[in-house]
Amino acid sequence: MIDSKQKYREYLKQDRLALGRQRDARPRLFGDEIWKFEILLRKVEYDLNCRHGVAGKLIGKWHKMRFHRLSVRLGFTISPNVFGPGLAMPHYGTIVVHGNARAGRNCRLQEGVTIGATNGSHEAAVIGDNCYFGSGAKVIGAVRIADDVAVGANAVVIRDIAEPGTTWAGNPARKISDRDSHSNLCSALFE
């Protein structure tokens, strides 16, 4: 969680690396909407956790309005304070993440991913570090996912994945490999 200016900068740096933008200092004026979305997400998190007073609330409302507008345009439904540093979404498309879900460092979400609660519950997934979710993957309910796990395209995770460094696929998801998620994440994150 972003609780200081230093952590805010760390999150921005990790997100930039996760998106494969090692050489770019800023997003381009036209394009780079996903990077702009992630910057606004982190600004909203900083505003919620660190800004106080009237001026802070006004700045926070401005960032939140811009964040909401870009969320709708890109098809992302992601609440603040869900993902650790190193979030990567390489494509636009519907991505829905429940506000009570929690994910660690270096999480990559392809288009069509849903991480949600079930049956009116407010409990959602807890996801470890260095996890990858393929196109259309679904994580439903209060499941726990270990570190370094890859979830394949269109997989449906409804039970805990306790074994780190594995690949899961199918409906319901089952282990298909002992291969970890690192090949699906940007290599700059592990340097």
N, C-alpha and C. Protein backbone atom coordinates (compact mmCIF):
# COMPACT_ATOMS: atom_id res chain seq x y z
N MET A 1 0.84 -1.17 0.00
CA MET A 1 0.00 0.00 0.00
C MET A 1 0.89 1.24 0.00
N ILE A 2 0.50 2.22 -0.76
CA ILE A 2 1.25 3.47 -0.84
C ILE A 2 0.92 4.30 0.40
N ASP A 3 1.94 4.52 1.23
CA ASP A 3 1.72 5.31 2.44
C ASP A 3 2.75 6.43 2.60
N SER A 4 3.53 6.68 1.53
CA SER A 4 4.49 7.77 1.56
C SER A 4 4.84 8.15 0.12
N LYS A 5 5.46 9.31 -0.03
CA LYS A 5 5.89 9.77 -1.35
C LYS A 5 6.94 8.81 -1.94
N GLN A 6 7.81 8.28 -1.09
CA GLN A 6 8.83 7.35 -1.53
C GLN A 6 8.21 6.06 -2.10
N LYS A 7 7.21 5.53 -1.40
CA LYS A 7 6.53 4.32 -1.89
C LYS A 7 5.77 4.62 -3.19
N TYR A 8 5.21 5.80 -3.28
CA TYR A 8 4.52 6.22 -4.50
C TYR A 8 5.48 6.16 -5.69
N ARG A 9 6.67 6.71 -5.52
CA ARG A 9 7.68 6.68 -6.58
C ARG A 9 8.11 5.25 -6.90
N GLU A 10 8.26 4.43 -5.88
CA GLU A 10 8.65 3.02 -6.08
C GLU A 10 7.58 2.28 -6.90
N TYR A 11 6.32 2.50 -6.58
CA TYR A 11 5.23 1.85 -7.32
C TYR A 11 5.24 2.29 -8.79
N LEU A 12 5.42 3.59 -9.03
CA LEU A 12 5.46 4.09 -10.40
C LEU A 12 6.63 3.48 -11.18
N LYS A 13 7.78 3.37 -10.55
CA LYS A 13 8.94 2.78 -11.21
C LYS A 13 8.70 1.32 -11.54
N GLN A 14 8.18 0.55 -10.59
CA GLN A 14 7.92 -0.87 -10.83
C GLN A 14 6.86 -1.08 -11.92
N ASP A 15 5.82 -0.24 -11.91
CA ASP A 15 4.79 -0.34 -12.95
C ASP A 15 5.39 -0.06 -14.33
N ARG A 16 6.26 0.93 -14.41
CA ARG A 16 6.92 1.27 -15.67
C ARG A 16 7.76 0.09 -16.16
N LEU A 17 8.52 -0.53 -15.27
CA LEU A 17 9.33 -1.69 -15.65
C LEU A 17 8.44 -2.86 -16.07
N ALA A 18 7.35 -3.09 -15.34
CA ALA A 18 6.45 -4.19 -15.65
C ALA A 18 5.82 -4.03 -17.03
N LEU A 19 5.63 -2.79 -17.45
CA LEU A 19 5.07 -2.53 -18.78
C LEU A 19 6.13 -2.56 -19.87
N GLY A 20 7.39 -2.81 -19.49
CA GLY A 20 8.47 -2.89 -20.47
C GLY A 20 8.95 -1.54 -20.95
N ARG A 21 8.83 -0.52 -20.13
CA ARG A 21 9.22 0.85 -20.49
C ARG A 21 10.48 1.26 -19.75
N GLN A 22 11.53 0.46 -19.85
CA GLN A 22 12.76 0.74 -19.13
C GLN A 22 13.40 2.05 -19.55
N ARG A 23 13.31 2.41 -20.82
CA ARG A 23 14.00 3.59 -21.32
C ARG A 23 13.15 4.85 -21.33
N ASP A 24 11.85 4.70 -21.24
CA ASP A 24 10.95 5.86 -21.30
C ASP A 24 10.76 6.43 -19.91
N ALA A 25 10.85 7.74 -19.81
CA ALA A 25 10.64 8.40 -18.52
C ALA A 25 9.17 8.75 -18.30
N ARG A 26 8.46 9.02 -19.39
CA ARG A 26 7.05 9.42 -19.31
C ARG A 26 6.26 8.80 -20.45
N PRO A 27 4.95 8.70 -20.27
CA PRO A 27 4.12 8.22 -21.38
C PRO A 27 4.09 9.23 -22.52
N ARG A 28 3.92 8.74 -23.73
CA ARG A 28 3.78 9.64 -24.88
C ARG A 28 2.46 10.39 -24.79
N LEU A 29 2.38 11.54 -25.45
CA LEU A 29 1.17 12.35 -25.45
C LEU A 29 0.00 11.57 -26.04
N PHE A 30 0.24 10.92 -27.16
CA PHE A 30 -0.79 10.08 -27.78
C PHE A 30 -0.36 8.63 -27.68
N GLY A 31 -1.24 7.80 -27.18
CA GLY A 31 -0.90 6.41 -26.92
C GLY A 31 -0.54 6.24 -25.45
N ASP A 32 -0.07 5.09 -25.09
CA ASP A 32 0.33 4.77 -23.71
C ASP A 32 -0.82 4.96 -22.72
N GLU A 33 -2.05 4.71 -23.15
CA GLU A 33 -3.20 4.91 -22.24
C GLU A 33 -3.13 4.01 -21.02
N ILE A 34 -2.64 2.80 -21.20
CA ILE A 34 -2.57 1.89 -20.05
C ILE A 34 -1.58 2.40 -19.02
N TRP A 35 -0.44 2.92 -19.48
CA TRP A 35 0.53 3.49 -18.56
C TRP A 35 -0.08 4.71 -17.86
N LYS A 36 -0.79 5.54 -18.59
CA LYS A 36 -1.45 6.70 -17.99
C LYS A 36 -2.48 6.26 -16.96
N PHE A 37 -3.20 5.17 -17.26
CA PHE A 37 -4.17 4.63 -16.32
C PHE A 37 -3.47 4.20 -15.02
N GLU A 38 -2.36 3.51 -15.15
CA GLU A 38 -1.65 3.04 -13.96
C GLU A 38 -1.09 4.20 -13.14
N ILE A 39 -0.63 5.25 -13.81
CA ILE A 39 -0.16 6.44 -13.09
C ILE A 39 -1.31 7.07 -12.31
N LEU A 40 -2.47 7.18 -12.95
CA LEU A 40 -3.63 7.75 -12.25
C LEU A 40 -4.07 6.84 -11.10
N LEU A 41 -4.02 5.53 -11.29
CA LEU A 41 -4.35 4.59 -10.21
C LEU A 41 -3.46 4.85 -9.01
N ARG A 42 -2.17 5.00 -9.24
CA ARG A 42 -1.24 5.24 -8.14
C ARG A 42 -1.44 6.61 -7.52
N LYS A 43 -1.81 7.62 -8.32
CA LYS A 43 -2.10 8.95 -7.76
C LYS A 43 -3.32 8.88 -6.85
N VAL A 44 -4.35 8.16 -7.29
CA VAL A 44 -5.56 8.02 -6.48
C VAL A 44 -5.23 7.29 -5.17
N GLU A 45 -4.40 6.24 -5.25
CA GLU A 45 -3.99 5.53 -4.03
C GLU A 45 -3.24 6.46 -3.09
N TYR A 46 -2.31 7.24 -3.64
CA TYR A 46 -1.56 8.20 -2.81
C TYR A 46 -2.51 9.21 -2.18
N ASP A 47 -3.45 9.73 -2.98
CA ASP A 47 -4.42 10.70 -2.46
C ASP A 47 -5.24 10.10 -1.32
N LEU A 48 -5.73 8.89 -1.50
CA LEU A 48 -6.56 8.25 -0.47
C LEU A 48 -5.78 8.00 0.82
N ASN A 49 -4.52 7.61 0.70
CA ASN A 49 -3.75 7.18 1.86
C ASN A 49 -2.91 8.28 2.50
N CYS A 50 -2.59 9.33 1.76
CA CYS A 50 -1.62 10.30 2.27
C CYS A 50 -2.08 11.75 2.29
N ARG A 51 -2.99 12.13 1.42
CA ARG A 51 -3.37 13.55 1.35
C ARG A 51 -4.47 13.86 2.36
N HIS A 52 -4.33 15.02 3.01
CA HIS A 52 -5.31 15.46 4.00
C HIS A 52 -5.60 16.94 3.77
N GLY A 53 -6.63 17.41 4.39
CA GLY A 53 -6.98 18.83 4.27
C GLY A 53 -7.82 19.09 3.04
N VAL A 54 -8.28 20.32 2.93
CA VAL A 54 -9.18 20.72 1.84
C VAL A 54 -8.48 20.62 0.49
N ALA A 55 -7.27 21.16 0.39
CA ALA A 55 -6.55 21.13 -0.88
C ALA A 55 -6.28 19.68 -1.31
N GLY A 56 -5.89 18.85 -0.36
CA GLY A 56 -5.64 17.44 -0.67
C GLY A 56 -6.87 16.73 -1.17
N LYS A 57 -8.02 17.05 -0.57
CA LYS A 57 -9.27 16.42 -1.01
C LYS A 57 -9.67 16.89 -2.41
N LEU A 58 -9.45 18.16 -2.70
CA LEU A 58 -9.75 18.67 -4.04
C LEU A 58 -8.86 18.01 -5.10
N ILE A 59 -7.58 17.90 -4.81
CA ILE A 59 -6.67 17.22 -5.74
C ILE A 59 -7.10 15.77 -5.91
N GLY A 60 -7.46 15.13 -4.79
CA GLY A 60 -7.91 13.75 -4.83
C GLY A 60 -9.16 13.56 -5.68
N LYS A 61 -10.10 14.47 -5.57
CA LYS A 61 -11.33 14.38 -6.39
C LYS A 61 -11.01 14.55 -7.87
N TRP A 62 -10.10 15.46 -8.19
CA TRP A 62 -9.69 15.68 -9.58
C TRP A 62 -9.06 14.41 -10.16
N HIS A 63 -8.13 13.82 -9.41
CA HIS A 63 -7.50 12.58 -9.88
C HIS A 63 -8.51 11.45 -10.01
N LYS A 64 -9.41 11.36 -9.05
CA LYS A 64 -10.42 10.29 -9.08
C LYS A 64 -11.35 10.43 -10.29
N MET A 65 -11.72 11.65 -10.63
CA MET A 65 -12.58 11.89 -11.79
C MET A 65 -11.86 11.48 -13.07
N ARG A 66 -10.61 11.89 -13.24
CA ARG A 66 -9.83 11.51 -14.42
C ARG A 66 -9.62 10.00 -14.48
N PHE A 67 -9.35 9.39 -13.33
CA PHE A 67 -9.16 7.95 -13.24
C PHE A 67 -10.43 7.21 -13.67
N HIS A 68 -11.57 7.65 -13.20
CA HIS A 68 -12.84 7.02 -13.56
C HIS A 68 -13.10 7.13 -15.06
N ARG A 69 -12.87 8.29 -15.61
CA ARG A 69 -13.09 8.50 -17.05
C ARG A 69 -12.20 7.56 -17.89
N LEU A 70 -10.93 7.46 -17.52
CA LEU A 70 -10.02 6.58 -18.26
C LEU A 70 -10.35 5.11 -18.04
N SER A 71 -10.80 4.76 -16.84
CA SER A 71 -11.23 3.38 -16.56
C SER A 71 -12.35 2.95 -17.49
N VAL A 72 -13.34 3.81 -17.63
CA VAL A 72 -14.48 3.50 -18.50
C VAL A 72 -14.02 3.38 -19.95
N ARG A 73 -13.17 4.28 -20.37
CA ARG A 73 -12.68 4.26 -21.75
C ARG A 73 -11.90 2.99 -22.08
N LEU A 74 -11.10 2.52 -21.14
CA LEU A 74 -10.27 1.33 -21.38
C LEU A 74 -10.98 0.02 -21.04
N GLY A 75 -12.06 0.08 -20.28
CA GLY A 75 -12.78 -1.13 -19.90
C GLY A 75 -12.23 -1.78 -18.64
N PHE A 76 -11.55 -1.02 -17.80
CA PHE A 76 -10.97 -1.56 -16.57
C PHE A 76 -11.84 -1.18 -15.37
N THR A 77 -12.12 -2.15 -14.52
CA THR A 77 -12.79 -1.90 -13.25
C THR A 77 -11.84 -2.38 -12.16
N ILE A 78 -11.00 -1.48 -11.69
CA ILE A 78 -9.98 -1.81 -10.70
C ILE A 78 -10.04 -0.75 -9.61
N SER A 79 -10.22 -1.20 -8.38
CA SER A 79 -10.25 -0.28 -7.24
C SER A 79 -8.84 0.06 -6.78
N PRO A 80 -8.66 1.20 -6.14
CA PRO A 80 -7.36 1.53 -5.57
C PRO A 80 -6.98 0.57 -4.44
N ASN A 81 -5.69 0.48 -4.17
CA ASN A 81 -5.13 -0.30 -3.06
C ASN A 81 -5.37 -1.80 -3.18
N VAL A 82 -5.43 -2.31 -4.40
CA VAL A 82 -5.58 -3.74 -4.61
C VAL A 82 -4.24 -4.37 -5.00
N PHE A 83 -3.50 -3.74 -5.90
CA PHE A 83 -2.28 -4.32 -6.45
C PHE A 83 -1.03 -3.69 -5.86
N GLY A 84 -0.03 -4.53 -5.64
CA GLY A 84 1.28 -4.04 -5.24
C GLY A 84 2.00 -3.44 -6.43
N PRO A 85 3.25 -3.04 -6.25
CA PRO A 85 4.00 -2.46 -7.36
C PRO A 85 4.27 -3.48 -8.46
N GLY A 86 4.38 -3.00 -9.70
CA GLY A 86 4.68 -3.88 -10.82
C GLY A 86 3.46 -4.40 -11.54
N LEU A 87 2.36 -3.69 -11.49
CA LEU A 87 1.15 -4.08 -12.20
C LEU A 87 1.35 -3.88 -13.70
N ALA A 88 0.95 -4.87 -14.50
CA ALA A 88 1.05 -4.75 -15.96
C ALA A 88 -0.21 -5.27 -16.61
N MET A 89 -0.76 -4.46 -17.50
CA MET A 89 -1.91 -4.85 -18.32
C MET A 89 -1.52 -4.49 -19.75
N PRO A 90 -1.14 -5.47 -20.56
CA PRO A 90 -0.60 -5.14 -21.87
C PRO A 90 -1.63 -4.71 -22.91
N HIS A 91 -2.93 -4.96 -22.67
CA HIS A 91 -3.95 -4.65 -23.66
C HIS A 91 -5.16 -4.01 -23.01
N TYR A 92 -5.89 -3.20 -23.80
CA TYR A 92 -7.19 -2.71 -23.34
C TYR A 92 -8.11 -3.92 -23.32
N GLY A 93 -9.23 -3.77 -22.71
CA GLY A 93 -10.24 -4.81 -22.69
C GLY A 93 -10.78 -4.95 -21.29
N THR A 94 -11.87 -5.61 -21.18
CA THR A 94 -12.54 -5.73 -19.90
C THR A 94 -11.67 -6.46 -18.89
N ILE A 95 -11.33 -5.77 -17.83
CA ILE A 95 -10.65 -6.37 -16.68
C ILE A 95 -11.42 -5.92 -15.45
N VAL A 96 -11.90 -6.89 -14.68
CA VAL A 96 -12.70 -6.59 -13.50
C VAL A 96 -12.02 -7.19 -12.28
N VAL A 97 -11.74 -6.35 -11.28
CA VAL A 97 -11.09 -6.81 -10.06
C VAL A 97 -11.90 -6.29 -8.87
N HIS A 98 -12.34 -7.19 -8.02
CA HIS A 98 -13.11 -6.83 -6.83
C HIS A 98 -12.27 -5.94 -5.92
N GLY A 99 -12.88 -4.97 -5.31
CA GLY A 99 -12.18 -4.02 -4.45
C GLY A 99 -11.56 -4.64 -3.21
N ASN A 100 -12.02 -5.81 -2.79
CA ASN A 100 -11.45 -6.47 -1.61
C ASN A 100 -10.36 -7.47 -1.95
N ALA A 101 -10.09 -7.67 -3.21
CA ALA A 101 -8.98 -8.56 -3.61
C ALA A 101 -7.67 -7.88 -3.25
N ARG A 102 -6.64 -8.67 -3.04
CA ARG A 102 -5.30 -8.16 -2.77
C ARG A 102 -4.30 -8.96 -3.58
N ALA A 103 -3.37 -8.24 -4.22
CA ALA A 103 -2.35 -8.89 -5.04
C ALA A 103 -0.99 -8.30 -4.70
N GLY A 104 0.02 -9.14 -4.73
CA GLY A 104 1.38 -8.72 -4.40
C GLY A 104 2.08 -8.03 -5.55
N ARG A 105 3.38 -8.10 -5.55
CA ARG A 105 4.23 -7.44 -6.55
C ARG A 105 4.15 -8.16 -7.89
N ASN A 106 4.31 -7.38 -8.97
CA ASN A 106 4.52 -7.91 -10.32
C ASN A 106 3.39 -8.83 -10.79
N CYS A 107 2.21 -8.30 -10.84
CA CYS A 107 1.05 -9.04 -11.32
C CYS A 107 0.75 -8.59 -12.76
N ARG A 108 0.54 -9.55 -13.65
CA ARG A 108 0.24 -9.23 -15.06
C ARG A 108 -1.13 -9.78 -15.40
N LEU A 109 -1.99 -8.91 -15.92
CA LEU A 109 -3.36 -9.27 -16.28
C LEU A 109 -3.57 -9.07 -17.77
N GLN A 110 -3.92 -10.13 -18.47
CA GLN A 110 -4.29 -10.01 -19.87
C GLN A 110 -5.75 -9.56 -19.95
N GLU A 111 -6.24 -9.28 -21.15
CA GLU A 111 -7.61 -8.81 -21.31
C GLU A 111 -8.60 -9.92 -20.93
N GLY A 112 -9.75 -9.49 -20.42
CA GLY A 112 -10.82 -10.42 -20.07
C GLY A 112 -10.68 -11.08 -18.71
N VAL A 113 -9.73 -10.66 -17.89
CA VAL A 113 -9.51 -11.27 -16.58
C VAL A 113 -10.56 -10.74 -15.59
N THR A 114 -11.08 -11.65 -14.78
CA THR A 114 -11.99 -11.29 -13.70
C THR A 114 -11.46 -11.88 -12.40
N ILE A 115 -11.33 -11.04 -11.39
CA ILE A 115 -10.95 -11.49 -10.05
C ILE A 115 -12.05 -10.97 -9.14
N GLY A 116 -12.96 -11.87 -8.72
CA GLY A 116 -14.13 -11.39 -8.01
C GLY A 116 -14.55 -12.24 -6.84
N ALA A 117 -15.60 -11.79 -6.19
CA ALA A 117 -16.22 -12.51 -5.08
C ALA A 117 -17.36 -13.36 -5.65
N THR A 118 -18.02 -14.10 -4.80
CA THR A 118 -19.11 -14.95 -5.27
C THR A 118 -20.25 -15.01 -4.27
N ASN A 119 -21.44 -15.25 -4.76
CA ASN A 119 -22.64 -15.46 -3.93
C ASN A 119 -22.87 -14.35 -2.92
N GLY A 120 -22.66 -13.12 -3.31
CA GLY A 120 -22.93 -11.99 -2.43
C GLY A 120 -21.89 -11.78 -1.34
N SER A 121 -20.84 -12.57 -1.34
CA SER A 121 -19.79 -12.43 -0.35
C SER A 121 -18.91 -11.23 -0.69
N HIS A 122 -18.30 -10.67 0.31
CA HIS A 122 -17.37 -9.56 0.09
C HIS A 122 -15.92 -10.03 0.18
N GLU A 123 -15.71 -11.32 0.32
CA GLU A 123 -14.36 -11.86 0.38
C GLU A 123 -13.90 -12.18 -1.03
N ALA A 124 -12.68 -11.74 -1.35
CA ALA A 124 -12.14 -11.97 -2.68
C ALA A 124 -10.73 -12.55 -2.56
N ALA A 125 -10.09 -12.79 -3.68
CA ALA A 125 -8.81 -13.49 -3.74
C ALA A 125 -7.68 -12.72 -3.08
N VAL A 126 -6.72 -13.48 -2.58
CA VAL A 126 -5.44 -12.96 -2.10
C VAL A 126 -4.39 -13.62 -2.99
N ILE A 127 -3.67 -12.79 -3.73
CA ILE A 127 -2.76 -13.26 -4.77
C ILE A 127 -1.33 -12.91 -4.37
N GLY A 128 -0.42 -13.85 -4.55
CA GLY A 128 0.98 -13.66 -4.19
C GLY A 128 1.73 -12.80 -5.19
N ASP A 129 3.05 -12.79 -5.07
CA ASP A 129 3.93 -12.02 -5.94
C ASP A 129 4.18 -12.77 -7.25
N ASN A 130 4.48 -12.00 -8.31
CA ASN A 130 4.91 -12.54 -9.61
C ASN A 130 3.89 -13.50 -10.21
N CYS A 131 2.63 -13.08 -10.24
CA CYS A 131 1.58 -13.93 -10.80
C CYS A 131 1.13 -13.41 -12.17
N TYR A 132 0.75 -14.33 -13.02
CA TYR A 132 0.32 -14.03 -14.39
C TYR A 132 -1.06 -14.64 -14.62
N PHE A 133 -1.94 -13.86 -15.25
CA PHE A 133 -3.29 -14.33 -15.57
C PHE A 133 -3.52 -14.15 -17.06
N GLY A 134 -3.71 -15.27 -17.77
CA GLY A 134 -3.91 -15.26 -19.21
C GLY A 134 -5.27 -14.69 -19.60
N SER A 135 -5.46 -14.48 -20.89
CA SER A 135 -6.69 -13.90 -21.43
C SER A 135 -7.91 -14.68 -20.96
N GLY A 136 -8.86 -13.97 -20.39
CA GLY A 136 -10.12 -14.58 -19.99
C GLY A 136 -10.08 -15.38 -18.71
N ALA A 137 -8.97 -15.38 -17.98
CA ALA A 137 -8.88 -16.13 -16.73
C ALA A 137 -9.85 -15.56 -15.70
N LYS A 138 -10.42 -16.44 -14.90
CA LYS A 138 -11.36 -16.04 -13.85
C LYS A 138 -10.87 -16.59 -12.52
N VAL A 139 -10.86 -15.74 -11.51
CA VAL A 139 -10.56 -16.14 -10.14
C VAL A 139 -11.78 -15.76 -9.32
N ILE A 140 -12.49 -16.76 -8.82
CA ILE A 140 -13.79 -16.52 -8.19
C ILE A 140 -13.75 -16.94 -6.73
N GLY A 141 -14.12 -16.03 -5.84
CA GLY A 141 -14.23 -16.34 -4.43
C GLY A 141 -12.98 -15.99 -3.65
N ALA A 142 -13.01 -16.37 -2.37
CA ALA A 142 -11.93 -16.04 -1.44
C ALA A 142 -10.82 -17.08 -1.52
N VAL A 143 -10.22 -17.20 -2.69
CA VAL A 143 -9.14 -18.17 -2.87
C VAL A 143 -7.79 -17.50 -2.60
N ARG A 144 -6.81 -18.31 -2.32
CA ARG A 144 -5.44 -17.83 -2.13
C ARG A 144 -4.58 -18.42 -3.24
N ILE A 145 -3.75 -17.57 -3.83
CA ILE A 145 -2.87 -18.01 -4.91
C ILE A 145 -1.44 -17.72 -4.47
N ALA A 146 -0.60 -18.75 -4.53
CA ALA A 146 0.80 -18.64 -4.09
C ALA A 146 1.62 -17.77 -5.03
N ASP A 147 2.87 -17.52 -4.67
CA ASP A 147 3.79 -16.74 -5.49
C ASP A 147 4.18 -17.50 -6.76
N ASP A 148 4.52 -16.74 -7.80
CA ASP A 148 5.09 -17.27 -9.05
C ASP A 148 4.15 -18.23 -9.78
N VAL A 149 2.85 -18.00 -9.69
CA VAL A 149 1.86 -18.86 -10.33
C VAL A 149 1.41 -18.23 -11.65
N ALA A 150 1.28 -19.07 -12.68
CA ALA A 150 0.71 -18.65 -13.96
C ALA A 150 -0.64 -19.33 -14.11
N VAL A 151 -1.66 -18.55 -14.44
CA VAL A 151 -3.01 -19.08 -14.68
C VAL A 151 -3.28 -18.90 -16.16
N GLY A 152 -3.55 -19.98 -16.85
CA GLY A 152 -3.70 -19.97 -18.30
C GLY A 152 -4.97 -19.28 -18.78
N ALA A 153 -5.03 -19.09 -20.09
CA ALA A 153 -6.18 -18.44 -20.72
C ALA A 153 -7.46 -19.23 -20.45
N ASN A 154 -8.50 -18.50 -20.11
CA ASN A 154 -9.84 -19.05 -19.85
C ASN A 154 -9.91 -20.04 -18.70
N ALA A 155 -8.89 -20.09 -17.85
CA ALA A 155 -8.94 -20.95 -16.67
C ALA A 155 -9.89 -20.34 -15.65
N VAL A 156 -10.50 -21.21 -14.84
CA VAL A 156 -11.40 -20.75 -13.79
C VAL A 156 -10.88 -21.29 -12.45
N VAL A 157 -10.37 -20.38 -11.63
CA VAL A 157 -9.80 -20.76 -10.34
C VAL A 157 -10.87 -20.59 -9.28
N ILE A 158 -11.26 -21.70 -8.65
CA ILE A 158 -12.28 -21.66 -7.60
C ILE A 158 -11.77 -22.26 -6.29
N ARG A 159 -10.53 -22.78 -6.31
CA ARG A 159 -9.90 -23.35 -5.11
C ARG A 159 -8.52 -22.74 -4.95
N ASP A 160 -8.00 -22.81 -3.73
CA ASP A 160 -6.67 -22.27 -3.45
C ASP A 160 -5.61 -22.93 -4.32
N ILE A 161 -4.61 -22.15 -4.70
CA ILE A 161 -3.42 -22.66 -5.37
C ILE A 161 -2.27 -22.43 -4.40
N ALA A 162 -1.91 -23.47 -3.66
CA ALA A 162 -0.93 -23.35 -2.59
C ALA A 162 0.49 -23.65 -3.04
N GLU A 163 0.65 -24.23 -4.21
CA GLU A 163 1.97 -24.64 -4.68
C GLU A 163 2.61 -23.52 -5.52
N PRO A 164 3.66 -22.88 -5.01
CA PRO A 164 4.29 -21.78 -5.77
C PRO A 164 5.05 -22.31 -6.99
N GLY A 165 5.21 -21.43 -7.98
CA GLY A 165 6.01 -21.77 -9.14
C GLY A 165 5.37 -22.79 -10.06
N THR A 166 4.05 -22.73 -10.22
CA THR A 166 3.34 -23.71 -11.06
C THR A 166 2.44 -23.00 -12.07
N THR A 167 1.97 -23.77 -13.05
CA THR A 167 1.05 -23.26 -14.07
C THR A 167 -0.25 -24.04 -13.97
N TRP A 168 -1.36 -23.30 -14.06
CA TRP A 168 -2.69 -23.89 -13.90
C TRP A 168 -3.55 -23.51 -15.10
N ALA A 169 -4.42 -24.44 -15.51
CA ALA A 169 -5.32 -24.18 -16.64
C ALA A 169 -6.56 -25.07 -16.51
N GLY A 170 -7.57 -24.74 -17.29
CA GLY A 170 -8.79 -25.54 -17.33
C GLY A 170 -9.92 -24.95 -16.52
N ASN A 171 -11.05 -25.66 -16.58
CA ASN A 171 -12.25 -25.26 -15.85
C ASN A 171 -12.84 -26.48 -15.16
N PRO A 172 -12.67 -26.62 -13.86
CA PRO A 172 -11.93 -25.77 -12.93
C PRO A 172 -10.42 -25.93 -13.14
N ALA A 173 -9.68 -24.93 -12.72
CA ALA A 173 -8.24 -24.93 -12.95
C ALA A 173 -7.56 -26.07 -12.20
N ARG A 174 -6.62 -26.70 -12.90
CA ARG A 174 -5.81 -27.74 -12.28
C ARG A 174 -4.37 -27.58 -12.77
N LYS A 175 -3.47 -28.09 -11.99
CA LYS A 175 -2.04 -27.93 -12.30
C LYS A 175 -1.70 -28.67 -13.58
N ILE A 176 -1.00 -27.96 -14.49
CA ILE A 176 -0.58 -28.60 -15.74
C ILE A 176 0.93 -28.61 -15.89
N SER A 177 1.64 -27.84 -15.04
CA SER A 177 3.09 -27.75 -15.21
C SER A 177 3.74 -27.24 -13.94
N ASP A 178 5.03 -27.56 -13.79
CA ASP A 178 5.83 -27.01 -12.69
C ASP A 178 6.60 -25.76 -13.14
N ARG A 179 6.19 -25.19 -14.24
CA ARG A 179 6.84 -23.99 -14.77
C ARG A 179 6.27 -22.76 -14.07
N ASP A 180 7.15 -21.86 -13.65
CA ASP A 180 6.67 -20.66 -12.96
C ASP A 180 6.23 -19.58 -13.94
N SER A 181 5.83 -18.44 -13.43
CA SER A 181 5.25 -17.37 -14.23
C SER A 181 6.29 -16.41 -14.82
N HIS A 182 7.55 -16.55 -14.49
CA HIS A 182 8.55 -15.54 -14.84
C HIS A 182 8.70 -15.32 -16.35
N SER A 183 8.48 -16.34 -17.15
CA SER A 183 8.61 -16.15 -18.60
C SER A 183 7.48 -15.29 -19.16
N ASN A 184 6.40 -15.13 -18.41
CA ASN A 184 5.27 -14.30 -18.84
C ASN A 184 5.36 -12.86 -18.33
N LEU A 185 6.34 -12.58 -17.48
CA LEU A 185 6.51 -11.25 -16.91
C LEU A 185 7.73 -10.59 -17.53
N CYS A 186 7.80 -9.28 -17.45
CA CYS A 186 8.93 -8.54 -18.02
C CYS A 186 10.22 -8.90 -17.28
N SER A 187 11.25 -9.27 -18.01
CA SER A 187 12.50 -9.72 -17.41
C SER A 187 13.19 -8.61 -16.58
N ALA A 188 12.91 -7.35 -16.88
CA ALA A 188 13.52 -6.24 -16.14
C ALA A 188 13.10 -6.24 -14.67
N LEU A 189 12.00 -6.89 -14.33
CA LEU A 189 11.54 -6.95 -12.95
C LEU A 189 12.44 -7.81 -12.08
N PHE A 190 13.20 -8.70 -12.71
CA PHE A 190 14.02 -9.66 -11.94
C PHE A 190 15.51 -9.36 -12.02
N GLU A 191 15.88 -8.20 -12.54
CA GLU A 191 17.29 -7.82 -12.63
C GLU A 191 17.75 -7.14 -11.38
